[in-house]
Amino acid sequence: MGNLVVDHWFSVLFLVVWIGLNVFLFVQAFLKFEKEDKYYYTREILGSSLAWARASARCLNFNSLLILVPVCRNLLSFIRGTCSFCNRTLRKPLDHNLTFHKLVAYMICLHTAIHVIAHLFNFERYSTSRQATDGSLASVLSNLSHHKADGNSWLNPIHSPNVTLLYVTFTSIAGLTGVIITLALILMVTSAMEFIRRHYFEVFWYTHHLFIVYIIGLVLHGIGGIVRGQTQESMEKNHPHECAESFQKWGDDKHKCKPPEFEGHLPESWKWVLAPCILYTFERILRLLRSRQEVVITKVVMHPAKVLELQMKQKGFSMEVGQYVFVNCPSVSFFEWHPFTLTSAPEEDFFSIHIRVAGDWTEKLIEAFEQQQSPLPRIEIDGPFGTVSEDVFQYEVAVLVGAGIGVTPFASILKSIWHKFRLADHKLKTQKIYFYWICRETGAFAWFNDLLTSLEREMEELGKVDFLNYRLFLTGWDSNIAGHAALNYDKTTDILTGLKQKTSFGRPMWDNEFSTIASAHPKSAVGVFLCGPHGIAKSLRKCCHRHSSLDPRKVQFYFNQENF
């Protein structure tokens, strides 16, 4: 449990630093606009809503700087490769890149809400003070001339008492870009909900590219200079502490205090987002160049349960176990790219993916290959990109858990092990693998059977029968299937899969499984790898914590989840 706690606290420390920076930037900006004399007259009209708007804007800029970095997959793969010798605790944040991306997005939403609400108050107060006829300081400031040659005299952006808030919103740069940015953000966040992302991936894919609109709008948002403060030259001649009380005499030539002059707050957003935008542009250019390399489809296999296997070759393609690629089929959709885990091993002279129907795009792709067109539909590949499964061979004991098609990253791992045994690779650190595959229907087992059969045979020939312990669990079954399996239980091979290992009905009892593994390997580092739903992830994470020893020299379970 000791190392598990270290991993946990390292992640917590990372989040605390990020939240701390947000708090620091917010408070710093808030105090600046709430206390500085430069904005004394601006506060006379707007009050504290000025500080709330500017503080949230500062945090929006900061998080907009961060939002693109976690999705620079080539950068993350490079860091993962260069840090392969690092402690697993230091690499752990790389496995949570999309989680951090989501957290940053939520923080952007929070500060957008604060910013919008604060500016609604601001515009209301601008309008009220512009229409006021009570001779107050706010009224005088709002009625300062908008027509001087140097353009520095006005403070209130509402130039006439007859102008409506709606008109100002849609005719000013700040107002119009603010509306566009907010709408783009709402569409991106709502379409990224898990239900939409899993069932209507195309909607998620297209709307998420509104980030381009968001970034451009953010850069342009501050150009109008609506938030204004007193110029330094004006403060030296007419400091608000000396002149604010005598504002009624500003027009008197004999009085030393003259009407203050103002300047717009210089745009800052571009300074924050320039570096990540350049980084992301290089990322997309690299992806584009790589995806334009010719992909040769060497074999097409239709497996049961409508699973399509594509075996391909590409010049210069190099992979590691557990990695994934983005796939595009121009004849199906020119713009859509979908992620698929590689199911081949690095030792093979081709790379492969398995695709099941999970939306319109995958259905059309499978139909295109089912028709056996000549020539075959053209495929473009971007990748490979690293995942947490690359670390599997760094553990003495590995527990692999796949749900449905989520078995694909482990196909690559098991194939690689098969090749390592054939080549007598003495560098293999892993001494034992526990493999769990959970499926709803029997047909889903079929395409993986050949690999498991080969592994069974290979382990027997090499005298390593105990190296691989695999369990298959069928969750979608009825009494007929169970009865048929029970009647044929005494047969050498399983009636459902043809494998020596019998299929279990229901779900694994994870506490029992982990207890058995902990007893069998009392002093080992056990890597637990999942490609499956959050429900299983929650159970496995709890079991890793519960069954890890408090003594770091004894058994430690490390939970890892595929996340792309």
Protein backbone atom coordinates (compact mmCIF):
# COMPACT_ATOMS: atom_id res chain seq x y z
CA MET A 1 0.00 0.00 0.00
CA GLY A 2 3.00 2.28 0.56
CA ASN A 3 3.85 2.91 -3.10
CA LEU A 4 0.15 3.12 -3.93
CA VAL A 5 -0.19 5.90 -1.38
CA VAL A 6 2.83 7.67 -2.91
CA ASP A 7 1.18 7.52 -6.36
CA HIS A 8 -2.05 8.85 -4.89
CA TRP A 9 -0.38 11.72 -3.07
CA PHE A 10 1.72 12.61 -6.10
CA SER A 11 -1.50 12.99 -8.12
CA VAL A 12 -3.06 14.98 -5.28
CA LEU A 13 0.03 17.23 -5.11
CA PHE A 14 -0.21 17.86 -8.86
CA LEU A 15 -3.86 18.91 -8.51
CA VAL A 16 -3.15 21.04 -5.44
CA VAL A 17 -0.42 22.93 -7.33
CA TRP A 18 -2.78 23.53 -10.28
CA ILE A 19 -5.64 24.69 -8.06
CA GLY A 20 -3.20 26.76 -6.01
CA LEU A 21 -1.99 28.56 -9.13
CA ASN A 22 -5.61 29.29 -10.06
CA VAL A 23 -6.29 30.72 -6.60
CA PHE A 24 -3.09 32.77 -6.64
CA LEU A 25 -3.79 34.26 -10.09
CA PHE A 26 -7.40 34.99 -9.16
CA VAL A 27 -6.53 36.72 -5.88
CA GLN A 28 -3.65 38.65 -7.43
CA ALA A 29 -5.83 40.00 -10.25
CA PHE A 30 -8.75 40.64 -7.92
CA LEU A 31 -6.67 42.76 -5.54
CA LYS A 32 -5.09 44.65 -8.45
CA PHE A 33 -8.40 45.82 -9.87
CA GLU A 34 -9.99 46.25 -6.46
CA LYS A 35 -7.21 48.35 -4.90
CA GLU A 36 -5.09 50.06 -7.56
CA ASP A 37 -5.63 53.80 -7.98
CA LYS A 38 -5.47 53.37 -11.77
CA TYR A 39 -8.96 51.84 -11.63
CA TYR A 40 -10.37 54.15 -8.93
CA TYR A 41 -12.78 55.88 -11.31
CA THR A 42 -13.70 52.61 -13.05
CA ARG A 43 -14.75 51.20 -9.68
CA GLU A 44 -16.95 54.26 -9.10
CA ILE A 45 -19.15 52.98 -11.91
CA LEU A 46 -18.71 49.21 -11.68
CA GLY A 47 -17.93 48.46 -8.06
CA SER A 48 -16.43 45.05 -7.20
CA SER A 49 -17.80 43.39 -10.33
CA LEU A 50 -14.80 44.88 -12.16
CA ALA A 51 -12.41 42.84 -10.01
CA TRP A 52 -14.53 39.69 -10.35
CA ALA A 53 -14.54 40.02 -14.15
CA ARG A 54 -10.79 40.64 -14.45
CA ALA A 55 -9.77 37.96 -11.92
CA SER A 56 -11.82 35.30 -13.70
CA ALA A 57 -10.37 36.50 -17.03
CA ARG A 58 -6.85 35.92 -15.68
CA CYS A 59 -7.72 32.35 -14.70
CA LEU A 60 -9.43 31.79 -18.06
CA ASN A 61 -6.18 32.74 -19.79
CA PHE A 62 -4.14 30.46 -17.54
CA ASN A 63 -6.36 27.43 -18.13
CA SER A 64 -6.61 28.16 -21.85
CA LEU A 65 -2.82 27.88 -21.85
CA LEU A 66 -3.11 24.38 -20.33
CA ILE A 67 -6.10 22.96 -22.21
CA LEU A 68 -4.23 21.93 -25.37
CA VAL A 69 -1.13 20.43 -23.75
CA PRO A 70 -2.76 17.16 -22.50
CA VAL A 71 -3.99 16.39 -26.05
CA CYS A 72 -0.57 16.83 -27.70
CA ARG A 73 -0.22 13.07 -28.06
CA ASN A 74 3.13 13.11 -29.84
CA LEU A 75 4.59 15.21 -27.03
CA LEU A 76 3.22 12.85 -24.38
CA SER A 77 4.52 9.80 -26.26
CA PHE A 78 7.93 11.44 -26.49
CA ILE A 79 7.95 12.24 -22.77
CA ARG A 80 6.80 8.71 -21.95
CA GLY A 81 9.62 7.30 -24.09
CA THR A 82 12.30 9.54 -22.58
CA CYS A 83 10.98 8.83 -19.07
CA SER A 84 10.87 5.07 -19.52
CA PHE A 85 13.75 4.84 -17.06
CA CYS A 86 11.97 7.09 -14.54
CA ASN A 87 10.11 5.96 -11.47
CA ARG A 88 6.53 4.89 -12.29
CA THR A 89 5.28 7.59 -9.90
CA LEU A 90 6.79 10.30 -12.13
CA ARG A 91 5.15 8.81 -15.23
CA LYS A 92 1.76 8.43 -13.56
CA PRO A 93 0.42 11.90 -14.53
CA LEU A 94 0.92 11.01 -18.21
CA ASP A 95 -1.70 8.29 -17.81
CA HIS A 96 -4.26 10.86 -16.67
CA ASN A 97 -3.81 13.36 -19.49
CA LEU A 98 -7.46 13.28 -20.58
CA THR A 99 -8.69 13.48 -16.99
CA PHE A 100 -6.60 16.61 -16.50
CA HIS A 101 -7.88 17.95 -19.85
CA LYS A 102 -11.44 17.56 -18.55
CA LEU A 103 -10.62 19.19 -15.20
CA VAL A 104 -9.08 22.18 -16.98
CA ALA A 105 -12.21 22.40 -19.16
CA TYR A 106 -14.42 22.43 -16.05
CA MET A 107 -12.26 25.18 -14.56
CA ILE A 108 -12.65 27.18 -17.78
CA CYS A 109 -16.43 26.74 -17.52
CA LEU A 110 -16.40 27.92 -13.90
CA HIS A 111 -14.44 31.08 -14.66
CA THR A 112 -16.47 31.70 -17.82
CA ALA A 113 -19.62 31.70 -15.68
CA ILE A 114 -18.03 34.12 -13.18
CA HIS A 115 -16.76 36.33 -16.02
CA VAL A 116 -20.10 36.46 -17.81
CA ILE A 117 -22.11 37.16 -14.65
CA ALA A 118 -19.66 39.89 -13.58
CA HIS A 119 -19.89 41.56 -16.99
CA LEU A 120 -23.68 41.41 -16.92
CA PHE A 121 -23.48 43.49 -13.75
CA ASN A 122 -20.86 45.71 -15.40
CA PHE A 123 -22.99 46.47 -18.43
CA GLU A 124 -26.04 47.08 -16.28
CA ARG A 125 -24.06 49.58 -14.18
CA TYR A 126 -22.59 51.19 -17.30
CA SER A 127 -26.13 51.64 -18.62
CA THR A 128 -27.50 52.95 -15.30
CA SER A 129 -24.71 55.49 -14.81
CA ARG A 130 -24.97 56.61 -18.47
CA GLN A 131 -28.69 57.35 -18.02
CA ALA A 132 -28.29 58.95 -14.59
CA THR A 133 -28.97 62.69 -14.27
CA ASP A 134 -28.24 63.06 -10.56
CA GLY A 135 -24.86 64.68 -11.07
CA SER A 136 -23.05 61.91 -9.20
CA LEU A 137 -19.41 61.06 -9.89
CA ALA A 138 -20.46 57.91 -11.79
CA SER A 139 -22.78 60.03 -13.95
CA VAL A 140 -20.07 62.61 -14.67
CA LEU A 141 -17.54 59.92 -15.55
CA SER A 142 -20.04 58.23 -17.87
CA ASN A 143 -20.74 61.48 -19.70
CA LEU A 144 -17.12 62.39 -20.38
CA SER A 145 -16.66 63.21 -24.07
CA HIS A 146 -16.21 60.28 -26.45
CA HIS A 147 -14.99 62.47 -29.27
CA LYS A 148 -11.62 63.90 -28.29
CA ALA A 149 -8.90 63.49 -30.88
CA ASP A 150 -6.69 61.31 -28.69
CA GLY A 151 -9.64 59.03 -27.81
CA ASN A 152 -8.52 58.71 -24.18
CA SER A 153 -11.20 60.67 -22.39
CA TRP A 154 -14.08 58.20 -22.26
CA LEU A 155 -14.62 55.59 -19.55
CA ASN A 156 -18.13 54.28 -20.24
CA PRO A 157 -18.38 52.24 -23.48
CA ILE A 158 -22.10 53.02 -23.75
CA HIS A 159 -21.91 56.22 -25.76
CA SER A 160 -25.56 57.25 -25.55
CA PRO A 161 -28.33 56.86 -22.97
CA ASN A 162 -30.55 55.52 -25.75
CA VAL A 163 -28.25 52.58 -26.55
CA THR A 164 -29.51 49.19 -25.33
CA LEU A 165 -27.37 46.51 -23.71
CA LEU A 166 -28.22 44.12 -26.54
CA TYR A 167 -26.95 46.61 -29.10
CA VAL A 168 -23.65 47.11 -27.23
CA THR A 169 -23.23 43.34 -26.84
CA PHE A 170 -23.52 42.58 -30.54
CA THR A 171 -21.75 45.67 -31.92
CA SER A 172 -18.65 45.68 -29.70
CA ILE A 173 -15.69 43.33 -30.23
CA ALA A 174 -15.71 42.27 -26.59
CA GLY A 175 -19.47 41.60 -26.55
CA LEU A 176 -19.66 39.72 -29.84
CA THR A 177 -16.57 37.58 -29.25
CA GLY A 178 -17.78 36.91 -25.70
CA VAL A 179 -21.05 35.50 -26.99
CA ILE A 180 -19.26 33.40 -29.63
CA ILE A 181 -16.72 32.05 -27.12
CA THR A 182 -19.45 31.13 -24.62
CA LEU A 183 -21.57 29.34 -27.24
CA ALA A 184 -18.53 27.44 -28.55
CA LEU A 185 -17.63 26.39 -25.00
CA ILE A 186 -21.18 25.22 -24.24
CA LEU A 187 -21.28 23.10 -27.41
CA MET A 188 -17.85 21.58 -26.75
CA VAL A 189 -18.59 20.69 -23.13
CA THR A 190 -22.08 19.27 -23.68
CA SER A 191 -21.02 17.19 -26.70
CA ALA A 192 -18.11 15.77 -24.67
CA MET A 193 -20.47 14.07 -22.21
CA GLU A 194 -19.71 10.36 -22.04
CA PHE A 195 -23.07 9.26 -23.47
CA ILE A 196 -22.71 11.47 -26.55
CA ARG A 197 -19.03 10.65 -26.96
CA ARG A 198 -19.67 6.91 -26.94
CA HIS A 199 -22.88 6.79 -28.97
CA TYR A 200 -22.57 9.84 -31.23
CA PHE A 201 -18.81 10.17 -31.62
CA GLU A 202 -19.21 12.20 -34.83
CA VAL A 203 -21.07 14.93 -32.90
CA PHE A 204 -18.30 15.03 -30.31
CA TRP A 205 -15.57 15.05 -32.98
CA TYR A 206 -16.94 17.94 -35.02
CA THR A 207 -18.08 20.17 -32.16
CA HIS A 208 -14.78 19.72 -30.32
CA HIS A 209 -13.03 21.42 -33.22
CA LEU A 210 -14.83 24.59 -32.18
CA PHE A 211 -11.78 25.05 -29.96
CA ILE A 212 -10.33 26.92 -32.95
CA VAL A 213 -13.22 29.40 -32.73
CA TYR A 214 -12.73 29.57 -28.96
CA ILE A 215 -9.00 30.37 -29.21
CA ILE A 216 -9.46 32.99 -31.95
CA GLY A 217 -12.34 34.59 -30.04
CA LEU A 218 -10.28 34.63 -26.86
CA VAL A 219 -7.38 36.43 -28.59
CA LEU A 220 -9.72 39.03 -30.12
CA HIS A 221 -11.85 39.47 -27.01
CA GLY A 222 -9.71 42.12 -25.34
CA ILE A 223 -8.90 44.19 -28.43
CA GLY A 224 -11.83 46.56 -27.87
CA GLY A 225 -10.35 47.78 -24.60
CA ILE A 226 -13.72 48.17 -22.86
CA VAL A 227 -12.17 47.80 -19.42
CA ARG A 228 -10.31 51.07 -18.96
CA GLY A 229 -8.13 52.69 -16.35
CA GLN A 230 -6.72 56.16 -15.84
CA THR A 231 -3.55 56.91 -17.81
CA GLN A 232 -0.30 57.34 -15.91
CA GLU A 233 0.10 60.90 -17.23
CA SER A 234 -3.40 61.82 -16.12
CA MET A 235 -2.81 60.33 -12.65
CA GLU A 236 0.33 62.42 -12.20
CA LYS A 237 -1.59 65.60 -12.97
CA ASN A 238 -4.99 64.66 -11.54
CA HIS A 239 -4.61 61.90 -8.96
CA PRO A 240 -8.02 60.52 -7.93
CA HIS A 241 -7.23 60.87 -4.21
CA GLU A 242 -6.82 64.61 -4.75
CA CYS A 243 -9.40 65.24 -7.47
CA ALA A 244 -12.25 62.78 -7.00
CA GLU A 245 -13.90 64.81 -4.24
CA SER A 246 -13.92 67.97 -6.40
CA PHE A 247 -15.29 66.35 -9.55
CA GLN A 248 -17.97 69.04 -9.88
CA LYS A 249 -15.23 71.63 -10.52
CA TRP A 250 -13.43 69.63 -13.26
CA GLY A 251 -14.82 71.98 -15.92
CA ASP A 252 -13.62 75.07 -14.11
CA ASP A 253 -10.47 76.46 -15.79
CA LYS A 254 -9.37 78.00 -12.49
CA HIS A 255 -9.41 74.62 -10.70
CA LYS A 256 -6.19 72.58 -10.76
CA CYS A 257 -8.03 69.23 -11.33
CA LYS A 258 -9.05 68.47 -14.89
CA PRO A 259 -11.23 65.66 -16.24
CA PRO A 260 -9.23 62.38 -16.08
CA GLU A 261 -8.17 60.58 -19.22
CA PHE A 262 -8.35 56.84 -19.67
CA GLU A 263 -6.80 54.05 -21.69
CA GLY A 264 -7.99 50.57 -22.53
CA HIS A 265 -6.59 47.52 -20.76
CA LEU A 266 -4.11 45.96 -23.23
CA PRO A 267 -5.05 42.49 -24.58
CA GLU A 268 -3.28 39.70 -22.70
CA SER A 269 -4.84 36.47 -23.92
CA TRP A 270 -2.54 36.07 -26.92
CA LYS A 271 0.49 36.02 -24.61
CA TRP A 272 -0.98 33.07 -22.71
CA VAL A 273 -2.12 30.93 -25.65
CA LEU A 274 0.65 31.66 -28.18
CA ALA A 275 3.11 28.97 -27.01
CA PRO A 276 0.56 26.12 -26.64
CA CYS A 277 -1.02 27.05 -29.99
CA ILE A 278 2.39 26.85 -31.71
CA LEU A 279 3.04 23.53 -29.96
CA TYR A 280 -0.35 22.17 -31.00
CA THR A 281 0.11 23.43 -34.58
CA PHE A 282 3.38 21.50 -34.85
CA GLU A 283 1.57 18.51 -33.35
CA ARG A 284 -1.13 18.62 -36.05
CA ILE A 285 1.41 19.18 -38.85
CA LEU A 286 3.35 16.13 -37.67
CA ARG A 287 0.14 14.09 -37.56
CA LEU A 288 -0.81 15.28 -41.05
CA LEU A 289 2.57 14.42 -42.57
CA ARG A 290 2.60 11.01 -40.92
CA SER A 291 -0.97 10.22 -41.93
CA ARG A 292 -0.15 10.93 -45.58
CA GLN A 293 2.24 7.98 -45.74
CA GLU A 294 0.83 5.10 -47.74
CA VAL A 295 -0.87 2.31 -45.80
CA VAL A 296 -1.00 -1.12 -47.44
CA ILE A 297 -3.79 -3.41 -46.24
CA THR A 298 -2.36 -6.93 -46.37
CA LYS A 299 -5.27 -8.87 -44.89
CA VAL A 300 -8.95 -8.35 -44.04
CA VAL A 301 -10.67 -10.77 -41.63
CA MET A 302 -14.32 -10.71 -40.56
CA HIS A 303 -14.62 -12.29 -37.12
CA PRO A 304 -17.85 -13.35 -35.36
CA ALA A 305 -19.88 -10.68 -33.54
CA LYS A 306 -19.19 -8.40 -36.54
CA VAL A 307 -15.61 -7.61 -35.59
CA LEU A 308 -13.37 -6.48 -38.46
CA GLU A 309 -9.63 -7.16 -38.34
CA LEU A 310 -7.33 -5.13 -40.59
CA GLN A 311 -3.69 -6.15 -40.99
CA MET A 312 -1.57 -3.38 -42.50
CA LYS A 313 1.95 -2.24 -43.34
CA GLN A 314 3.40 1.26 -43.48
CA LYS A 315 6.94 2.36 -44.19
CA GLY A 316 8.78 3.34 -41.02
CA PHE A 317 5.97 2.21 -38.69
CA SER A 318 7.30 1.17 -35.27
CA MET A 319 5.18 0.24 -32.27
CA GLU A 320 5.25 -0.97 -28.69
CA VAL A 321 2.70 -3.16 -26.91
CA GLY A 322 -0.55 -1.49 -25.89
CA GLN A 323 -0.18 1.54 -28.17
CA TYR A 324 -2.99 2.93 -30.32
CA VAL A 325 -3.46 4.71 -33.63
CA PHE A 326 -6.00 7.10 -35.11
CA VAL A 327 -7.72 5.78 -38.23
CA ASN A 328 -9.33 7.69 -41.07
CA CYS A 329 -11.18 6.28 -44.07
CA PRO A 330 -11.76 9.12 -46.57
CA SER A 331 -14.49 7.20 -48.40
CA VAL A 332 -16.50 7.05 -45.16
CA SER A 333 -15.65 10.50 -43.78
CA PHE A 334 -12.85 12.78 -44.88
CA PHE A 335 -12.47 14.56 -41.54
CA GLU A 336 -13.18 11.93 -38.88
CA TRP A 337 -10.33 10.16 -37.08
CA HIS A 338 -11.09 7.42 -34.57
CA PRO A 339 -8.73 5.78 -32.04
CA PHE A 340 -8.09 2.02 -32.11
CA THR A 341 -5.71 -0.05 -30.00
CA LEU A 342 -3.10 -2.02 -31.92
CA THR A 343 -3.68 -5.76 -31.56
CA SER A 344 -0.45 -6.89 -33.19
CA ALA A 345 2.88 -7.44 -31.45
CA PRO A 346 6.02 -5.35 -32.10
CA GLU A 347 7.76 -8.54 -33.24
CA GLU A 348 5.34 -9.03 -36.16
CA ASP A 349 6.03 -7.62 -39.64
CA PHE A 350 2.60 -5.96 -39.80
CA PHE A 351 0.31 -4.02 -37.49
CA SER A 352 -3.35 -4.75 -36.93
CA ILE A 353 -6.51 -3.33 -35.39
CA HIS A 354 -9.87 -4.87 -34.52
CA ILE A 355 -13.02 -2.81 -35.09
CA ARG A 356 -16.54 -3.51 -33.86
CA VAL A 357 -19.72 -1.56 -34.59
CA ALA A 358 -19.94 1.35 -32.16
CA GLY A 359 -21.62 4.11 -34.15
CA ASP A 360 -22.32 5.25 -37.69
CA TRP A 361 -18.66 5.58 -38.71
CA THR A 362 -17.59 2.09 -37.64
CA GLU A 363 -20.75 0.58 -39.16
CA LYS A 364 -20.07 2.22 -42.54
CA LEU A 365 -16.40 1.20 -42.41
CA ILE A 366 -17.22 -2.45 -41.70
CA GLU A 367 -19.84 -2.46 -44.46
CA ALA A 368 -17.29 -1.03 -46.91
CA PHE A 369 -14.89 -3.92 -46.21
CA GLU A 370 -17.65 -6.53 -46.11
CA GLN A 371 -18.49 -5.68 -49.71
CA GLN A 372 -14.96 -6.77 -50.70
CA GLN A 373 -14.53 -3.85 -53.07
CA SER A 374 -11.59 -3.76 -55.43
CA PRO A 375 -9.56 -1.81 -54.68
CA LEU A 376 -10.14 -1.87 -50.93
CA PRO A 377 -11.14 1.40 -49.23
CA ARG A 378 -8.12 3.61 -48.51
CA ILE A 379 -7.05 3.85 -44.89
CA GLU A 380 -4.93 6.57 -43.32
CA ILE A 381 -3.09 6.05 -40.03
CA ASP A 382 -1.85 8.54 -37.47
CA GLY A 383 0.33 7.17 -34.70
CA PRO A 384 1.22 5.11 -32.84
CA PHE A 385 0.71 6.85 -29.50
CA GLY A 386 1.75 5.62 -26.08
CA THR A 387 -0.52 4.36 -23.32
CA VAL A 388 -0.16 3.00 -19.82
CA SER A 389 -0.06 -0.59 -21.16
CA GLU A 390 3.47 0.02 -22.42
CA ASP A 391 4.63 -0.46 -18.82
CA VAL A 392 3.23 -3.98 -18.51
CA PHE A 393 6.59 -5.74 -18.80
CA GLN A 394 8.06 -3.65 -15.99
CA TYR A 395 6.06 -5.63 -13.44
CA GLU A 396 6.91 -9.06 -12.07
CA VAL A 397 3.22 -9.95 -12.10
CA ALA A 398 0.63 -8.48 -14.46
CA VAL A 399 -3.16 -8.62 -14.13
CA LEU A 400 -4.91 -7.86 -17.42
CA VAL A 401 -8.65 -7.14 -17.39
CA GLY A 402 -10.55 -6.62 -20.64
CA ALA A 403 -14.28 -6.06 -21.15
CA GLY A 404 -15.66 -6.91 -24.61
CA ILE A 405 -13.59 -5.31 -27.37
CA GLY A 406 -11.55 -3.79 -24.53
CA VAL A 407 -9.40 -6.90 -24.77
CA THR A 408 -7.54 -5.43 -27.77
CA PRO A 409 -4.51 -3.91 -25.94
CA PHE A 410 -3.96 -7.24 -24.24
CA ALA A 411 -3.98 -9.07 -27.55
CA SER A 412 -0.83 -7.13 -28.38
CA ILE A 413 0.71 -7.95 -25.00
CA LEU A 414 -0.10 -11.68 -25.16
CA LYS A 415 1.17 -11.94 -28.75
CA SER A 416 4.39 -10.21 -27.75
CA ILE A 417 4.85 -12.66 -24.88
CA TRP A 418 4.33 -15.54 -27.29
CA HIS A 419 7.10 -14.15 -29.51
CA LYS A 420 9.40 -13.50 -26.55
CA PHE A 421 9.07 -17.12 -25.45
CA ARG A 422 9.75 -18.37 -28.97
CA LEU A 423 12.88 -16.21 -29.16
CA ALA A 424 13.91 -17.13 -25.60
CA ASP A 425 14.05 -13.51 -24.48
CA HIS A 426 15.88 -13.60 -21.14
CA LYS A 427 15.24 -9.88 -20.51
CA LEU A 428 11.55 -10.54 -19.83
CA LYS A 429 10.97 -9.38 -16.25
CA THR A 430 7.36 -10.59 -16.01
CA GLN A 431 7.06 -13.97 -14.31
CA LYS A 432 3.27 -14.40 -14.25
CA ILE A 433 0.23 -13.04 -16.08
CA TYR A 434 -3.39 -13.22 -14.94
CA PHE A 435 -5.79 -12.46 -17.75
CA TYR A 436 -9.53 -11.81 -17.28
CA TRP A 437 -11.87 -11.30 -20.20
CA ILE A 438 -15.48 -10.32 -19.52
CA CYS A 439 -18.00 -10.54 -22.39
CA ARG A 440 -21.77 -10.30 -22.79
CA GLU A 441 -22.09 -12.82 -25.63
CA THR A 442 -20.30 -16.03 -26.62
CA GLY A 443 -19.56 -14.83 -30.15
CA ALA A 444 -17.24 -12.15 -28.80
CA PHE A 445 -14.80 -14.84 -27.60
CA ALA A 446 -14.34 -16.36 -31.02
CA TRP A 447 -11.87 -13.96 -32.68
CA PHE A 448 -9.48 -14.23 -29.72
CA ASN A 449 -9.58 -18.01 -29.43
CA ASP A 450 -6.78 -18.69 -31.90
CA LEU A 451 -4.33 -16.57 -29.94
CA LEU A 452 -5.23 -18.17 -26.60
CA THR A 453 -5.03 -21.65 -28.15
CA SER A 454 -1.55 -20.85 -29.52
CA LEU A 455 -0.45 -19.54 -26.14
CA GLU A 456 -1.75 -22.65 -24.36
CA ARG A 457 0.16 -24.88 -26.76
CA GLU A 458 3.35 -22.79 -26.61
CA MET A 459 3.36 -22.72 -22.80
CA GLU A 460 2.96 -26.51 -22.66
CA GLU A 461 5.83 -27.08 -25.11
CA LEU A 462 8.13 -24.77 -23.13
CA GLY A 463 7.09 -26.19 -19.78
CA LYS A 464 5.63 -22.85 -18.66
CA VAL A 465 2.00 -23.85 -18.20
CA ASP A 466 1.78 -21.76 -15.05
CA PHE A 467 3.00 -18.54 -16.71
CA LEU A 468 -0.45 -17.56 -18.08
CA ASN A 469 -3.56 -17.91 -15.97
CA TYR A 470 -6.59 -16.76 -17.93
CA ARG A 471 -10.29 -16.67 -17.05
CA LEU A 472 -13.21 -15.99 -19.39
CA PHE A 473 -16.44 -14.63 -17.93
CA LEU A 474 -19.78 -14.59 -19.77
CA THR A 475 -22.20 -12.01 -18.34
CA GLY A 476 -24.98 -12.32 -20.94
CA TRP A 477 -26.28 -15.89 -20.61
CA ASP A 478 -29.48 -17.79 -20.04
CA SER A 479 -30.39 -21.13 -18.49
CA ASN A 480 -30.04 -22.96 -21.84
CA ILE A 481 -26.41 -21.87 -22.29
CA ALA A 482 -25.56 -22.61 -18.66
CA GLY A 483 -27.27 -26.03 -18.80
CA HIS A 484 -25.48 -26.94 -22.03
CA ALA A 485 -22.13 -25.96 -20.51
CA ALA A 486 -22.86 -27.94 -17.31
CA LEU A 487 -23.72 -31.12 -19.27
CA ASN A 488 -20.42 -30.91 -21.13
CA TYR A 489 -18.26 -29.74 -18.22
CA ASP A 490 -16.27 -33.02 -18.05
CA LYS A 491 -14.99 -32.61 -21.61
CA THR A 492 -11.36 -31.65 -22.10
CA THR A 493 -12.18 -28.36 -23.80
CA ASP A 494 -14.83 -25.77 -23.05
CA ILE A 495 -18.03 -26.29 -25.06
CA LEU A 496 -18.41 -22.54 -25.69
CA THR A 497 -14.87 -21.54 -26.66
CA GLY A 498 -13.00 -24.75 -27.46
CA LEU A 499 -10.30 -23.76 -24.95
CA LYS A 500 -9.02 -25.85 -22.05
CA GLN A 501 -10.02 -23.15 -19.59
CA LYS A 502 -13.71 -23.39 -18.76
CA THR A 503 -15.93 -20.31 -19.17
CA SER A 504 -17.33 -18.86 -15.96
CA PHE A 505 -20.83 -17.39 -15.80
CA GLY A 506 -21.35 -14.00 -14.18
CA ARG A 507 -18.76 -11.50 -13.05
CA PRO A 508 -15.45 -12.08 -11.26
CA MET A 509 -15.37 -11.90 -7.47
CA TRP A 510 -12.53 -9.41 -7.45
CA ASP A 511 -11.77 -9.57 -3.74
CA ASN A 512 -11.27 -13.33 -3.97
CA GLU A 513 -9.13 -12.99 -7.11
CA PHE A 514 -6.90 -10.31 -5.55
CA SER A 515 -6.58 -12.24 -2.31
CA THR A 516 -5.41 -15.32 -4.24
CA ILE A 517 -2.89 -13.27 -6.25
CA ALA A 518 -1.56 -11.54 -3.11
CA SER A 519 -1.07 -14.92 -1.41
CA ALA A 520 0.71 -16.38 -4.45
CA HIS A 521 3.04 -13.37 -4.83
CA PRO A 522 3.63 -11.98 -1.33
CA LYS A 523 6.65 -9.82 -2.28
CA SER A 524 5.88 -8.80 -5.87
CA ALA A 525 4.95 -5.59 -7.65
CA VAL A 526 1.67 -6.39 -9.42
CA GLY A 527 0.54 -4.19 -12.29
CA VAL A 528 -3.24 -4.21 -12.80
CA PHE A 529 -4.26 -3.06 -16.30
CA LEU A 530 -7.85 -2.40 -17.34
CA CYS A 531 -9.45 -1.58 -20.65
CA GLY A 532 -13.11 -1.36 -19.76
CA PRO A 533 -15.92 0.69 -18.17
CA HIS A 534 -15.71 2.91 -15.09
CA GLY A 535 -17.72 0.47 -12.96
CA ILE A 536 -15.00 -2.18 -13.20
CA ALA A 537 -12.31 0.49 -12.79
CA LYS A 538 -13.83 1.58 -9.49
CA SER A 539 -13.89 -2.00 -8.18
CA LEU A 540 -10.32 -2.75 -9.27
CA ARG A 541 -8.96 0.49 -7.83
CA LYS A 542 -10.51 -0.34 -4.45
CA CYS A 543 -9.10 -3.87 -4.57
CA CYS A 544 -5.62 -2.56 -5.41
CA HIS A 545 -5.77 -0.32 -2.36
CA ARG A 546 -7.28 -2.95 -0.08
CA HIS A 547 -4.87 -5.78 -0.95
CA SER A 548 -1.61 -3.82 -1.15
CA SER A 549 0.58 -4.32 1.90
CA LEU A 550 1.46 -1.46 4.24
CA ASP A 551 5.02 -2.76 4.06
CA PRO A 552 6.52 -1.49 0.75
CA ARG A 553 8.74 -4.59 0.63
CA LYS A 554 5.69 -6.82 0.29
CA VAL A 555 2.99 -7.15 -2.37
CA GLN A 556 1.93 -3.89 -4.02
CA PHE A 557 -0.88 -3.55 -6.58
CA TYR A 558 -0.65 -0.68 -9.10
CA PHE A 559 -3.84 0.20 -10.94
CA ASN A 560 -3.58 1.37 -14.56
CA GLN A 561 -6.44 2.15 -16.94
CA GLU A 562 -6.45 2.64 -20.69
CA ASN A 563 -7.56 6.19 -21.38
CA PHE A 564 -7.73 7.65 -24.90
